[in-house]
PDB file of N, CA and C in Angstrom:
ATOM      1  N   MET A   1       0.774  -1.194  -0.015  1.00  0.00           N
ATOM      2  CA  MET A   1      -0.058   0.024  -0.084  1.00  0.00           C
ATOM      3  C   MET A   1       0.834   1.164   0.056  1.00  0.00           C
ATOM      4  N   SER A   2       0.563   2.210  -0.927  1.00  0.00           N
ATOM      5  CA  SER A   2       1.433   3.413  -0.873  1.00  0.00           C
ATOM      6  C   SER A   2       1.159   4.300   0.221  1.00  0.00           C
ATOM      7  N   ILE A   3       1.985   5.371   0.336  1.00  0.00           N
ATOM      8  CA  ILE A   3       1.715   6.411   1.441  1.00  0.00           C
ATOM      9  C   ILE A   3       0.453   7.080   1.173  1.00  0.00           C
ATOM     10  N   PHE A   4       0.039   7.401   0.015  1.00  0.00           N
ATOM     11  CA  PHE A   4      -1.113   8.088  -0.349  1.00  0.00           C
ATOM     12  C   PHE A   4      -2.416   7.260   0.104  1.00  0.00           C
ATOM     13  N   GLU A   5      -2.386   6.046  -0.169  1.00  0.00           N
ATOM     14  CA  GLU A   5      -3.426   5.059   0.161  1.00  0.00           C
ATOM     15  C   GLU A   5      -3.539   5.063   1.736  1.00  0.00           C
ATOM     16  N   ILE A   6      -2.435   4.969   2.357  1.00  0.00           N
ATOM     17  CA  ILE A   6      -2.481   4.863   3.863  1.00  0.00           C
ATOM     18  C   ILE A   6      -3.040   6.256   4.463  1.00  0.00           C
ATOM     19  N   ILE A   7      -2.596   7.471   3.856  1.00  0.00           N
ATOM     20  CA  ILE A   7      -3.129   8.750   4.440  1.00  0.00           C
ATOM     21  C   ILE A   7      -4.610   8.751   4.119  1.00  0.00           C
ATOM     22  N   ALA A   8      -5.027   8.377   2.862  1.00  0.00           N
ATOM     23  CA  ALA A   8      -6.441   8.368   2.443  1.00  0.00           C
ATOM     24  C   ALA A   8      -7.250   7.537   3.437  1.00  0.00           C
ATOM     25  N   GLU A   9      -6.837   6.328   3.737  1.00  0.00           N
ATOM     26  CA  GLU A   9      -7.489   5.482   4.598  1.00  0.00           C
ATOM     27  C   GLU A   9      -7.730   5.981   6.047  1.00  0.00           C
ATOM     28  N   ARG A  10      -6.588   6.590   6.464  1.00  0.00           N
ATOM     29  CA  ARG A  10      -6.568   7.167   7.852  1.00  0.00           C
ATOM     30  C   ARG A  10      -7.573   8.398   7.838  1.00  0.00           C
ATOM     31  N   LYS A  11      -7.601   9.181   6.920  1.00  0.00           N
ATOM     32  CA  LYS A  11      -8.663  10.326   6.862  1.00  0.00           C
ATOM     33  C   LYS A  11      -9.986   9.831   6.786  1.00  0.00           C
ATOM     34  N   ILE A  12     -10.262   8.689   6.062  1.00  0.00           N
ATOM     35  CA  ILE A  12     -11.498   8.120   5.881  1.00  0.00           C
ATOM     36  C   ILE A  12     -11.928   7.549   7.267  1.00  0.00           C
ATOM     37  N   GLN A  13     -11.049   6.907   7.872  1.00  0.00           N
ATOM     38  CA  GLN A  13     -11.362   6.220   9.229  1.00  0.00           C
ATOM     39  C   GLN A  13     -11.736   7.369  10.265  1.00  0.00           C
ATOM     40  N   GLN A  14     -10.950   8.488  10.270  1.00  0.00           N
ATOM     41  CA  GLN A  14     -11.131   9.543  11.185  1.00  0.00           C
ATOM     42  C   GLN A  14     -12.605  10.186  10.946  1.00  0.00           C
ATOM     43  N   ALA A  15     -12.939  10.363   9.652  1.00  0.00           N
ATOM     44  CA  ALA A  15     -14.299  10.843   9.315  1.00  0.00           C
ATOM     45  C   ALA A  15     -15.392   9.936   9.794  1.00  0.00           C
ATOM     46  N   ILE A  16     -15.151   8.659   9.587  1.00  0.00           N
ATOM     47  CA  ILE A  16     -16.148   7.626  10.086  1.00  0.00           C
ATOM     48  C   ILE A  16     -16.356   7.895  11.624  1.00  0.00           C
ATOM     49  N   GLU A  17     -15.252   7.954  12.338  1.00  0.00           N
ATOM     50  CA  GLU A  17     -15.287   7.979  13.799  1.00  0.00           C
ATOM     51  C   GLU A  17     -16.020   9.300  14.274  1.00  0.00           C
ATOM     52  N   ARG A  18     -15.883  10.424  13.501  1.00  0.00           N
ATOM     53  CA  ARG A  18     -16.473  11.676  13.804  1.00  0.00           C
ATOM     54  C   ARG A  18     -17.930  11.649  13.445  1.00  0.00           C
ATOM     55  N   GLY A  19     -18.372  10.639  12.651  1.00  0.00           N
ATOM     56  CA  GLY A  19     -19.724  10.491  12.273  1.00  0.00           C
ATOM     57  C   GLY A  19     -20.098  11.396  11.054  1.00  0.00           C
ATOM     58  N   GLU A  20     -19.043  11.743  10.224  1.00  0.00           N
ATOM     59  CA  GLU A  20     -19.334  12.606   9.060  1.00  0.00           C
ATOM     60  C   GLU A  20     -20.016  11.882   7.984  1.00  0.00           C
ATOM     61  N   PHE A  21     -20.194  10.605   8.015  1.00  0.00           N
ATOM     62  CA  PHE A  21     -20.919   9.820   6.934  1.00  0.00           C
ATOM     63  C   PHE A  21     -22.213   9.340   7.429  1.00  0.00           C
ATOM     64  N   ASP A  22     -22.643   9.670   8.572  1.00  0.00           N
ATOM     65  CA  ASP A  22     -23.873   9.027   9.159  1.00  0.00           C
ATOM     66  C   ASP A  22     -25.138   9.458   8.479  1.00  0.00           C
ATOM     67  N   ASN A  23     -25.227  10.783   8.075  1.00  0.00           N
ATOM     68  CA  ASN A  23     -26.448  11.272   7.548  1.00  0.00           C
ATOM     69  C   ASN A  23     -26.346  11.656   6.081  1.00  0.00           C
ATOM     70  N   LEU A  24     -25.638  10.835   5.316  1.00  0.00           N
ATOM     71  CA  LEU A  24     -25.525  11.239   3.802  1.00  0.00           C
ATOM     72  C   LEU A  24     -26.750  10.741   3.050  1.00  0.00           C
ATOM     73  N   PRO A  25     -27.200  11.506   2.090  1.00  0.00           N
ATOM     74  CA  PRO A  25     -28.364  11.075   1.329  1.00  0.00           C
ATOM     75  C   PRO A  25     -28.153   9.663   0.584  1.00  0.00           C
ATOM     76  N   GLY A  26     -29.022   8.867   0.571  1.00  0.00           N
ATOM     77  CA  GLY A  26     -28.904   7.491  -0.035  1.00  0.00           C
ATOM     78  C   GLY A  26     -28.179   6.607   0.784  1.00  0.00           C
ATOM     79  N   LYS A  27     -27.919   6.789   2.087  1.00  0.00           N
ATOM     80  CA  LYS A  27     -27.227   5.828   2.863  1.00  0.00           C
ATOM     81  C   LYS A  27     -27.949   4.413   2.875  1.00  0.00           C
ATOM     82  N   GLY A  28     -27.254   3.492   2.681  1.00  0.00           N
ATOM     83  CA  GLY A  28     -27.844   2.091   2.724  1.00  0.00           C
ATOM     84  C   GLY A  28     -28.523   1.659   1.439  1.00  0.00           C
ATOM     85  N   LYS A  29     -28.523   2.598   0.408  1.00  0.00           N
ATOM     86  CA  LYS A  29     -29.068   2.281  -0.824  1.00  0.00           C
ATOM     87  C   LYS A  29     -28.043   1.931  -1.907  1.00  0.00           C
ATOM     88  N   PRO A  30     -28.404   1.284  -2.959  1.00  0.00           N
ATOM     89  CA  PRO A  30     -27.351   0.987  -3.996  1.00  0.00           C
ATOM     90  C   PRO A  30     -26.961   2.280  -4.683  1.00  0.00           C
ATOM     91  N   LEU A  31     -25.773   2.351  -5.182  1.00  0.00           N
ATOM     92  CA  LEU A  31     -25.340   3.575  -5.987  1.00  0.00           C
ATOM     93  C   LEU A  31     -26.159   3.585  -7.306  1.00  0.00           C
ATOM     94  N   PRO A  32     -26.438   4.792  -7.788  1.00  0.00           N
ATOM     95  CA  PRO A  32     -27.173   4.950  -9.059  1.00  0.00           C
ATOM     96  C   PRO A  32     -26.286   4.441 -10.286  1.00  0.00           C
ATOM     97  N   PRO A  33     -26.874   4.033 -11.350  1.00  0.00           N
ATOM     98  CA  PRO A  33     -26.024   3.552 -12.470  1.00  0.00           C
ATOM     99  C   PRO A  33     -25.298   4.721 -13.047  1.00  0.00           C
ATOM    100  N   ASP A  34     -24.192   4.498 -13.548  1.00  0.00           N
ATOM    101  CA  ASP A  34     -23.222   5.467 -14.054  1.00  0.00           C
ATOM    102  C   ASP A  34     -23.096   5.629 -15.533  1.00  0.00           C
ATOM    103  N   ASP A  35     -24.035   4.991 -16.329  1.00  0.00           N
ATOM    104  CA  ASP A  35     -23.991   5.086 -17.724  1.00  0.00           C
ATOM    105  C   ASP A  35     -22.645   4.629 -18.419  1.00  0.00           C
ATOM    106  N   LEU A  36     -21.964   3.911 -17.752  1.00  0.00           N
ATOM    107  CA  LEU A  36     -20.583   3.429 -18.265  1.00  0.00           C
ATOM    108  C   LEU A  36     -20.612   1.907 -18.414  1.00  0.00           C
ATOM    109  N   ASP A  37     -21.852   1.304 -18.515  1.00  0.00           N
ATOM    110  CA  ASP A  37     -21.839  -0.086 -18.703  1.00  0.00           C
ATOM    111  C   ASP A  37     -21.158  -0.722 -19.992  1.00  0.00           C
ATOM    112  N   MET A  38     -21.143   0.183 -21.127  1.00  0.00           N
ATOM    113  CA  MET A  38     -20.671  -0.281 -22.300  1.00  0.00           C
ATOM    114  C   MET A  38     -19.099  -0.039 -22.375  1.00  0.00           C
ATOM    115  N   VAL A  39     -18.591   0.745 -21.398  1.00  0.00           N
ATOM    116  CA  VAL A  39     -17.166   1.148 -21.438  1.00  0.00           C
ATOM    117  C   VAL A  39     -16.387   0.006 -20.790  1.00  0.00           C
ATOM    118  N   PRO A  40     -15.266  -0.425 -21.352  1.00  0.00           N
ATOM    119  CA  PRO A  40     -14.387  -1.429 -20.753  1.00  0.00           C
ATOM    120  C   PRO A  40     -13.960  -0.898 -19.308  1.00  0.00           C
ATOM    121  N   GLU A  41     -13.885  -1.964 -18.340  1.00  0.00           N
ATOM    122  CA  GLU A  41     -13.533  -1.636 -17.059  1.00  0.00           C
ATOM    123  C   GLU A  41     -12.302  -0.790 -16.764  1.00  0.00           C
ATOM    124  N   GLU A  42     -11.257  -1.062 -17.672  1.00  0.00           N
ATOM    125  CA  GLU A  42     -10.029  -0.439 -17.497  1.00  0.00           C
ATOM    126  C   GLU A  42     -10.026   0.964 -17.973  1.00  0.00           C
ATOM    127  N   LEU A  43     -11.196   1.491 -18.689  1.00  0.00           N
ATOM    128  CA  LEU A  43     -11.229   2.865 -19.081  1.00  0.00           C
ATOM    129  C   LEU A  43     -12.278   3.631 -18.362  1.00  0.00           C
ATOM    130  N   ARG A  44     -12.961   3.057 -17.473  1.00  0.00           N
ATOM    131  CA  ARG A  44     -14.019   3.674 -16.682  1.00  0.00           C
ATOM    132  C   ARG A  44     -13.544   4.895 -15.831  1.00  0.00           C
ATOM    133  N   MET A  45     -12.461   4.737 -15.132  1.00  0.00           N
ATOM    134  CA  MET A  45     -11.929   5.767 -14.316  1.00  0.00           C
ATOM    135  C   MET A  45     -11.575   6.983 -15.156  1.00  0.00           C
ATOM    136  N   SER A  46     -10.900   6.806 -16.151  1.00  0.00           N
ATOM    137  CA  SER A  46     -10.504   7.971 -17.075  1.00  0.00           C
ATOM    138  C   SER A  46     -11.831   8.557 -17.590  1.00  0.00           C
ATOM    139  N   TYR A  47     -12.755   7.790 -17.946  1.00  0.00           N
ATOM    140  CA  TYR A  47     -14.090   8.406 -18.390  1.00  0.00           C
ATOM    141  C   TYR A  47     -14.698   9.277 -17.320  1.00  0.00           C
ATOM    142  N   LYS A  48     -14.624   8.726 -16.148  1.00  0.00           N
ATOM    143  CA  LYS A  48     -15.306   9.543 -14.948  1.00  0.00           C
ATOM    144  C   LYS A  48     -14.540  10.878 -14.830  1.00  0.00           C
ATOM    145  N   ILE A  49     -13.185  10.847 -14.821  1.00  0.00           N
ATOM    146  CA  ILE A  49     -12.391  11.964 -14.691  1.00  0.00           C
ATOM    147  C   ILE A  49     -12.757  12.967 -15.749  1.00  0.00           C
ATOM    148  N   LEU A  50     -12.889  12.500 -17.079  1.00  0.00           N
ATOM    149  CA  LEU A  50     -13.329  13.372 -18.135  1.00  0.00           C
ATOM    150  C   LEU A  50     -14.601  14.012 -17.982  1.00  0.00           C
ATOM    151  N   LYS A  51     -15.536  13.141 -17.497  1.00  0.00           N
ATOM    152  CA  LYS A  51     -16.927  13.594 -17.246  1.00  0.00           C
ATOM    153  C   LYS A  51     -16.895  14.700 -16.131  1.00  0.00           C
ATOM    154  N   ASN A  52     -16.192  14.475 -15.070  1.00  0.00           N
ATOM    155  CA  ASN A  52     -16.109  15.471 -13.926  1.00  0.00           C
ATOM    156  C   ASN A  52     -15.572  16.805 -14.399  1.00  0.00           C
ATOM    157  N   ALA A  53     -14.712  16.714 -15.473  1.00  0.00           N
ATOM    158  CA  ALA A  53     -14.009  17.917 -16.034  1.00  0.00           C
ATOM    159  C   ALA A  53     -14.900  18.633 -17.029  1.00  0.00           C
ATOM    160  N   GLY A  54     -16.100  17.903 -17.384  1.00  0.00           N
ATOM    161  CA  GLY A  54     -17.022  18.468 -18.229  1.00  0.00           C
ATOM    162  C   GLY A  54     -16.791  18.144 -19.731  1.00  0.00           C
ATOM    163  N   ILE A  55     -15.971  17.088 -19.879  1.00  0.00           N
ATOM    164  CA  ILE A  55     -15.626  16.634 -21.256  1.00  0.00           C
ATOM    165  C   ILE A  55     -16.172  15.245 -21.344  1.00  0.00           C
ATOM    166  N   VAL A  56     -17.100  15.098 -22.281  1.00  0.00           N
ATOM    167  CA  VAL A  56     -17.727  13.788 -22.577  1.00  0.00           C
ATOM    168  C   VAL A  56     -17.241  13.202 -23.789  1.00  0.00           C
ATOM    169  N   PRO A  57     -16.811  11.873 -23.690  1.00  0.00           N
ATOM    170  CA  PRO A  57     -16.313  11.234 -24.850  1.00  0.00           C
ATOM    171  C   PRO A  57     -17.370  11.113 -25.946  1.00  0.00           C
ATOM    172  N   GLU A  58     -16.949  11.153 -27.161  1.00  0.00           N
ATOM    173  CA  GLU A  58     -17.920  11.201 -28.236  1.00  0.00           C
ATOM    174  C   GLU A  58     -18.912   9.942 -28.240  1.00  0.00           C
ATOM    175  N   GLU A  59     -18.406   8.800 -27.872  1.00  0.00           N
ATOM    176  CA  GLU A  59     -19.248   7.530 -27.857  1.00  0.00           C
ATOM    177  C   GLU A  59     -20.386   7.667 -26.784  1.00  0.00           C
ATOM    178  N   ILE A  60     -20.079   8.340 -25.650  1.00  0.00           N
ATOM    179  CA  ILE A  60     -21.036   8.503 -24.658  1.00  0.00           C
ATOM    180  C   ILE A  60     -22.148   9.527 -25.113  1.00  0.00           C
ATOM    181  N   GLU A  61     -21.647  10.566 -25.735  1.00  0.00           N
ATOM    182  CA  GLU A  61     -22.663  11.562 -26.273  1.00  0.00           C
ATOM    183  C   GLU A  61     -23.468  10.951 -27.362  1.00  0.00           C
ATOM    184  N   LEU A  62     -22.942   9.996 -28.144  1.00  0.00           N
ATOM    185  CA  LEU A  62     -23.679   9.456 -29.231  1.00  0.00           C
ATOM    186  C   LEU A  62     -24.759   8.525 -28.647  1.00  0.00           C
ATOM    187  N   ARG A  63     -24.353   7.839 -27.548  1.00  0.00           N
ATOM    188  CA  ARG A  63     -25.354   6.929 -26.950  1.00  0.00           C
ATOM    189  C   ARG A  63     -26.588   7.786 -26.423  1.00  0.00           C
ATOM    190  N   LYS A  64     -26.229   8.921 -25.736  1.00  0.00           N
ATOM    191  CA  LYS A  64     -27.286   9.810 -25.196  1.00  0.00           C
ATOM    192  C   LYS A  64     -28.198  10.249 -26.380  1.00  0.00           C
ATOM    193  N   THR A  65     -27.662  10.698 -27.481  1.00  0.00           N
ATOM    194  CA  THR A  65     -28.293  11.215 -28.595  1.00  0.00           C
ATOM    195  C   THR A  65     -29.270  10.073 -29.158  1.00  0.00           C
ATOM    196  N   ILE A  66     -28.696   8.835 -29.332  1.00  0.00           N
ATOM    197  CA  ILE A  66     -29.455   7.772 -29.899  1.00  0.00           C
ATOM    198  C   ILE A  66     -30.568   7.458 -28.971  1.00  0.00           C
ATOM    199  N   MET A  67     -30.424   7.476 -27.729  1.00  0.00           N
ATOM    200  CA  MET A  67     -31.575   7.207 -26.952  1.00  0.00           C
ATOM    201  C   MET A  67     -32.667   8.304 -26.903  1.00  0.00           C
ATOM    202  N   SER A  68     -32.226   9.547 -27.045  1.00  0.00           N
ATOM    203  CA  SER A  68     -33.104  10.682 -27.185  1.00  0.00           C
ATOM    204  C   SER A  68     -33.890  10.526 -28.520  1.00  0.00           C
ATOM    205  N   LEU A  69     -33.118  10.220 -29.567  1.00  0.00           N
ATOM    206  CA  LEU A  69     -33.769  10.070 -30.835  1.00  0.00           C
ATOM    207  C   LEU A  69     -34.920   8.930 -30.817  1.00  0.00           C
ATOM    208  N   ASN A  70     -34.580   7.831 -30.118  1.00  0.00           N
ATOM    209  CA  ASN A  70     -35.514   6.728 -30.010  1.00  0.00           C
ATOM    210  C   ASN A  70     -36.705   7.211 -29.261  1.00  0.00           C
ATOM    211  N   ASP A  71     -36.509   7.890 -28.246  1.00  0.00           N
ATOM    212  CA  ASP A  71     -37.754   8.420 -27.531  1.00  0.00           C
ATOM    213  C   ASP A  71     -38.631   9.242 -28.467  1.00  0.00           C
ATOM    214  N   LEU A  72     -37.949  10.164 -29.304  1.00  0.00           N
ATOM    215  CA  LEU A  72     -38.504  11.016 -30.165  1.00  0.00           C
ATOM    216  C   LEU A  72     -39.290  10.271 -31.215  1.00  0.00           C
ATOM    217  N   LEU A  73     -38.630   9.204 -31.715  1.00  0.00           N
ATOM    218  CA  LEU A  73     -39.265   8.399 -32.742  1.00  0.00           C
ATOM    219  C   LEU A  73     -40.563   7.806 -32.129  1.00  0.00           C
ATOM    220  N   ASN A  74     -40.535   7.232 -30.878  1.00  0.00           N
ATOM    221  CA  ASN A  74     -41.693   6.549 -30.224  1.00  0.00           C
ATOM    222  C   ASN A  74     -42.865   7.524 -30.032  1.00  0.00           C
ATOM    223  N   ALA A  75     -42.487   8.843 -30.037  1.00  0.00           N
ATOM    224  CA  ALA A  75     -43.469   9.879 -29.650  1.00  0.00           C
ATOM    225  C   ALA A  75     -44.071  10.484 -30.986  1.00  0.00           C
ATOM    226  N   CYS A  76     -43.388  10.137 -32.064  1.00  0.00           N
ATOM    227  CA  CYS A  76     -43.734  10.863 -33.369  1.00  0.00           C
ATOM    228  C   CYS A  76     -44.774  10.049 -34.124  1.00  0.00           C
ATOM    229  N   SER A  77     -45.690  10.907 -34.737  1.00  0.00           N
ATOM    230  CA  SER A  77     -46.733  10.079 -35.468  1.00  0.00           C
ATOM    231  C   SER A  77     -46.738  10.439 -37.015  1.00  0.00           C
ATOM    232  N   ASP A  78     -46.055  11.430 -37.430  1.00  0.00           N
ATOM    233  CA  ASP A  78     -45.849  11.761 -38.885  1.00  0.00           C
ATOM    234  C   ASP A  78     -44.780  10.786 -39.466  1.00  0.00           C
ATOM    235  N   GLU A  79     -45.257  10.085 -40.526  1.00  0.00           N
ATOM    236  CA  GLU A  79     -44.324   9.040 -41.049  1.00  0.00           C
ATOM    237  C   GLU A  79     -43.131   9.728 -41.818  1.00  0.00           C
ATOM    238  N   LYS A  80     -43.186  10.898 -42.447  1.00  0.00           N
ATOM    239  CA  LYS A  80     -42.081  11.442 -43.006  1.00  0.00           C
ATOM    240  C   LYS A  80     -41.122  11.847 -41.927  1.00  0.00           C
ATOM    241  N   GLU A  81     -41.560  12.476 -40.871  1.00  0.00           N
ATOM    242  CA  GLU A  81     -40.640  12.805 -39.804  1.00  0.00           C
ATOM    243  C   GLU A  81     -40.060  11.524 -39.093  1.00  0.00           C
ATOM    244  N   ARG A  82     -40.758  10.496 -38.987  1.00  0.00           N
ATOM    245  CA  ARG A  82     -40.227   9.184 -38.399  1.00  0.00           C
ATOM    246  C   ARG A  82     -39.089   8.741 -39.241  1.00  0.00           C
ATOM    247  N   ASN A  83     -39.223   8.803 -40.618  1.00  0.00           N
ATOM    248  CA  ASN A  83     -38.181   8.362 -41.459  1.00  0.00           C
ATOM    249  C   ASN A  83     -36.840   9.254 -41.279  1.00  0.00           C
ATOM    250  N   GLU A  84     -37.059  10.482 -41.148  1.00  0.00           N
ATOM    251  CA  GLU A  84     -35.983  11.335 -40.927  1.00  0.00           C
ATOM    252  C   GLU A  84     -35.254  10.994 -39.578  1.00  0.00           C
ATOM    253  N   ILE A  85     -36.042  10.751 -38.618  1.00  0.00           N
ATOM    254  CA  ILE A  85     -35.515  10.360 -37.318  1.00  0.00           C
ATOM    255  C   ILE A  85     -34.739   8.950 -37.370  1.00  0.00           C
ATOM    256  N   ARG A  86     -35.282   8.074 -38.103  1.00  0.00           N
ATOM    257  CA  ARG A  86     -34.687   6.731 -38.235  1.00  0.00           C
ATOM    258  C   ARG A  86     -33.352   6.924 -38.918  1.00  0.00           C
ATOM    259  N   LYS A  87     -33.297   7.875 -39.967  1.00  0.00           N
ATOM    260  CA  LYS A  87     -32.036   8.102 -40.724  1.00  0.00           C
ATOM    261  C   LYS A  87     -30.935   8.681 -39.746  1.00  0.00           C
ATOM    262  N   LYS A  88     -31.369   9.610 -38.880  1.00  0.00           N
ATOM    263  CA  LYS A  88     -30.440  10.132 -37.887  1.00  0.00           C
ATOM    264  C   LYS A  88     -29.972   9.105 -36.942  1.00  0.00           C
ATOM    265  N   ILE A  89     -30.873   8.244 -36.477  1.00  0.00           N
ATOM    266  CA  ILE A  89     -30.456   7.257 -35.595  1.00  0.00           C
ATOM    267  C   ILE A  89     -29.434   6.273 -36.169  1.00  0.00           C
ATOM    268  N   SER A  90     -29.707   5.897 -37.593  1.00  0.00           N
ATOM    269  CA  SER A  90     -28.767   5.027 -38.134  1.00  0.00           C
ATOM    270  C   SER A  90     -27.446   5.659 -38.392  1.00  0.00           C
ATOM    271  N   GLU A  91     -27.348   6.909 -38.678  1.00  0.00           N
ATOM    272  CA  GLU A  91     -26.016   7.643 -38.760  1.00  0.00           C
ATOM    273  C   GLU A  91     -25.369   7.654 -37.358  1.00  0.00           C
ATOM    274  N   LYS A  92     -25.994   7.951 -36.333  1.00  0.00           N
ATOM    275  CA  LYS A  92     -25.345   8.058 -35.075  1.00  0.00           C
ATOM    276  C   LYS A  92     -24.957   6.595 -34.605  1.00  0.00           C
ATOM    277  N   GLN A  93     -25.724   5.610 -34.907  1.00  0.00           N
ATOM    278  CA  GLN A  93     -25.419   4.294 -34.494  1.00  0.00           C
ATOM    279  C   GLN A  93     -24.127   3.782 -35.281  1.00  0.00           C
ATOM    280  N   LEU A  94     -24.126   4.087 -36.459  1.00  0.00           N
ATOM    281  CA  LEU A  94     -22.936   3.736 -37.306  1.00  0.00           C
ATOM    282  C   LEU A  94     -21.713   4.342 -36.783  1.00  0.00           C
ATOM    283  N   ARG A  95     -21.802   5.622 -36.485  1.00  0.00           N
ATOM    284  CA  ARG A  95     -20.599   6.313 -35.896  1.00  0.00           C
ATOM    285  C   ARG A  95     -20.133   5.700 -34.633  1.00  0.00           C
ATOM    286  N   TYR A  96     -21.153   5.392 -33.788  1.00  0.00           N
ATOM    287  CA  TYR A  96     -20.917   4.854 -32.444  1.00  0.00           C
ATOM    288  C   TYR A  96     -20.341   3.468 -32.674  1.00  0.00           C
ATOM    289  N   ASN A  97     -20.806   2.655 -33.642  1.00  0.00           N
ATOM    290  CA  ASN A  97     -20.198   1.351 -33.910  1.00  0.00           C
ATOM    291  C   ASN A  97     -18.714   1.415 -34.379  1.00  0.00           C
ATOM    292  N   ILE A  98     -18.350   2.387 -35.125  1.00  0.00           N
ATOM    293  CA  ILE A  98     -17.106   2.588 -35.645  1.00  0.00           C
ATOM    294  C   ILE A  98     -16.202   2.895 -34.537  1.00  0.00           C
ATOM    295  N   ILE A  99     -16.502   3.847 -33.710  1.00  0.00           N
ATOM    296  CA  ILE A  99     -15.693   4.218 -32.485  1.00  0.00           C
ATOM    297  C   ILE A  99     -15.485   3.019 -31.607  1.00  0.00           C
ATOM    298  N   MET A 100     -16.553   2.378 -31.369  1.00  0.00           N
ATOM    299  CA  MET A 100     -16.306   1.153 -30.422  1.00  0.00           C
ATOM    300  C   MET A 100     -15.572   0.037 -30.927  1.00  0.00           C
ATOM    301  N   GLU A 101     -15.751  -0.223 -32.302  1.00  0.00           N
ATOM    302  CA  GLU A 101     -14.955  -1.264 -32.849  1.00  0.00           C
ATOM    303  C   GLU A 101     -13.388  -0.875 -33.037  1.00  0.00           C
ATOM    304  N   SER A 102     -13.177   0.464 -33.083  1.00  0.00           N
ATOM    305  CA  SER A 102     -11.792   0.962 -33.197  1.00  0.00           C
ATOM    306  C   SER A 102     -11.129   0.683 -31.830  1.00  0.00           C
ATOM    307  N   LYS A 103     -11.932   0.540 -30.878  1.00  0.00           N
ATOM    308  CA  LYS A 103     -11.368   0.321 -29.494  1.00  0.00           C
ATOM    309  C   LYS A 103     -11.430  -1.242 -29.088  1.00  0.00           C
ATOM    310  N   GLY A 104     -11.755  -1.942 -30.153  1.00  0.00           N
ATOM    311  CA  GLY A 104     -11.715  -3.458 -29.906  1.00  0.00           C
ATOM    312  C   GLY A 104     -13.008  -4.026 -29.341  1.00  0.00           C
ATOM    313  N   ILE A 105     -14.098  -3.228 -29.312  1.00  0.00           N
ATOM    314  CA  ILE A 105     -15.449  -3.615 -28.734  1.00  0.00           C
ATOM    315  C   ILE A 105     -16.350  -3.959 -29.800  1.00  0.00           C
ATOM    316  N   LYS A 106     -16.906  -5.176 -29.940  1.00  0.00           N
ATOM    317  CA  LYS A 106     -17.774  -5.483 -30.865  1.00  0.00           C
ATOM    318  C   LYS A 106     -19.202  -5.094 -30.428  1.00  0.00           C
ATOM    319  N   VAL A 107     -19.900  -4.347 -31.245  1.00  0.00           N
ATOM    320  CA  VAL A 107     -21.265  -3.820 -30.883  1.00  0.00           C
ATOM    321  C   VAL A 107     -22.322  -4.423 -31.741  1.00  0.00           C
ATOM    322  N   VAL A 108     -23.430  -4.934 -31.019  1.00  0.00           N
ATOM    323  CA  VAL A 108     -24.525  -5.401 -31.746  1.00  0.00           C
ATOM    324  C   VAL A 108     -25.623  -4.454 -31.544  1.00  0.00           C
ATOM    325  N   ASP A 109     -26.157  -4.008 -32.830  1.00  0.00           N
ATOM    326  CA  ASP A 109     -27.235  -3.019 -32.765  1.00  0.00           C
ATOM    327  C   ASP A 109     -28.519  -3.639 -31.926  1.00  0.00           C
ATOM    328  N   PRO A 110     -29.009  -2.932 -30.986  1.00  0.00           N
ATOM    329  CA  PRO A 110     -30.131  -3.499 -30.251  1.00  0.00           C
ATOM    330  C   PRO A 110     -31.331  -3.776 -31.046  1.00  0.00           C
ATOM    331  N   PHE A 111     -31.611  -3.009 -32.096  1.00  0.00           N
ATOM    332  CA  PHE A 111     -32.757  -3.340 -32.964  1.00  0.00           C
ATOM    333  C   PHE A 111     -32.670  -4.649 -33.651  1.00  0.00           C
ATOM    334  N   TYR A 112     -31.358  -4.715 -34.204  1.00  0.00           N
ATOM    335  CA  TYR A 112     -30.952  -5.981 -34.958  1.00  0.00           C
ATOM    336  C   TYR A 112     -30.984  -7.141 -34.017  1.00  0.00           C
ATOM    337  N   GLN A 113     -30.478  -6.994 -32.807  1.00  0.00           N
ATOM    338  CA  GLN A 113     -30.467  -8.088 -31.813  1.00  0.00           C
ATOM    339  C   GLN A 113     -31.944  -8.591 -31.542  1.00  0.00           C
ATOM    340  N   ALA A 114     -32.893  -7.509 -31.293  1.00  0.00           N
ATOM    341  CA  ALA A 114     -34.287  -7.889 -31.030  1.00  0.00           C
ATOM    342  C   ALA A 114     -34.843  -8.654 -32.210  1.00  0.00           C
ATOM    343  N   LYS A 115     -34.520  -8.273 -33.441  1.00  0.00           N
ATOM    344  CA  LYS A 115     -35.074  -8.992 -34.544  1.00  0.00           C
ATOM    345  C   LYS A 115     -34.518 -10.532 -34.579  1.00  0.00           C
ATOM    346  N   ILE A 116     -33.305 -10.633 -34.316  1.00  0.00           N
ATOM    347  CA  ILE A 116     -32.726 -12.079 -34.192  1.00  0.00           C
ATOM    348  C   ILE A 116     -33.509 -12.802 -33.083  1.00  0.00           C
ATOM    349  N   MET A 117     -33.692 -12.230 -31.975  1.00  0.00           N
ATOM    350  CA  MET A 117     -34.426 -12.854 -30.845  1.00  0.00           C
ATOM    351  C   MET A 117     -35.772 -13.300 -31.345  1.00  0.00           C
ATOM    352  N   GLU A 118     -36.498 -12.346 -32.109  1.00  0.00           N
ATOM    353  CA  GLU A 118     -37.908 -12.682 -32.637  1.00  0.00           C
ATOM    354  C   GLU A 118     -37.871 -14.024 -33.514  1.00  0.00           C
ATOM    355  N   LYS A 119     -36.876 -14.074 -34.356  1.00  0.00           N
ATOM    356  CA  LYS A 119     -36.693 -15.147 -35.302  1.00  0.00           C
ATOM    357  C   LYS A 119     -36.434 -16.416 -34.477  1.00  0.00           C
ATOM    358  N   LEU A 120     -35.733 -16.385 -33.394  1.00  0.00           N
ATOM    359  CA  LEU A 120     -35.429 -17.548 -32.581  1.00  0.00           C
ATOM    360  C   LEU A 120     -36.554 -18.094 -31.808  1.00  0.00           C
ATOM    361  N   LYS A 121     -37.567 -17.429 -31.639  1.00  0.00           N
ATOM    362  CA  LYS A 121     -38.687 -17.809 -30.791  1.00  0.00           C
ATOM    363  C   LYS A 121     -39.588 -18.866 -31.510  1.00  0.00           C
TER     364      LYS A 121
END
């Protein structure tokens, strides 16, 4: 254990003894999801640091945009507009897949995966 880890552990233990962690919101509850499920474990810390600095990696921004576009698609009733939204989703999904595959992560399109599952039933 490094000197920094020892100092950090000592500070945490002192705070526990003073009761500084007793009334924190969410105590005893699971941590909320962090939107990094698709990020390899070895990259998660660096992604969190970038996120805290206000810098969001392109693939994370693309995932958020794709989810928003899917919500918009579900709420849309005009067929012409739905086709435009589908086109945007396809473009964003393609860019996301290219980025992830460049990092060695194989991505299966959720829509395509759902279609496969339907065929297997």
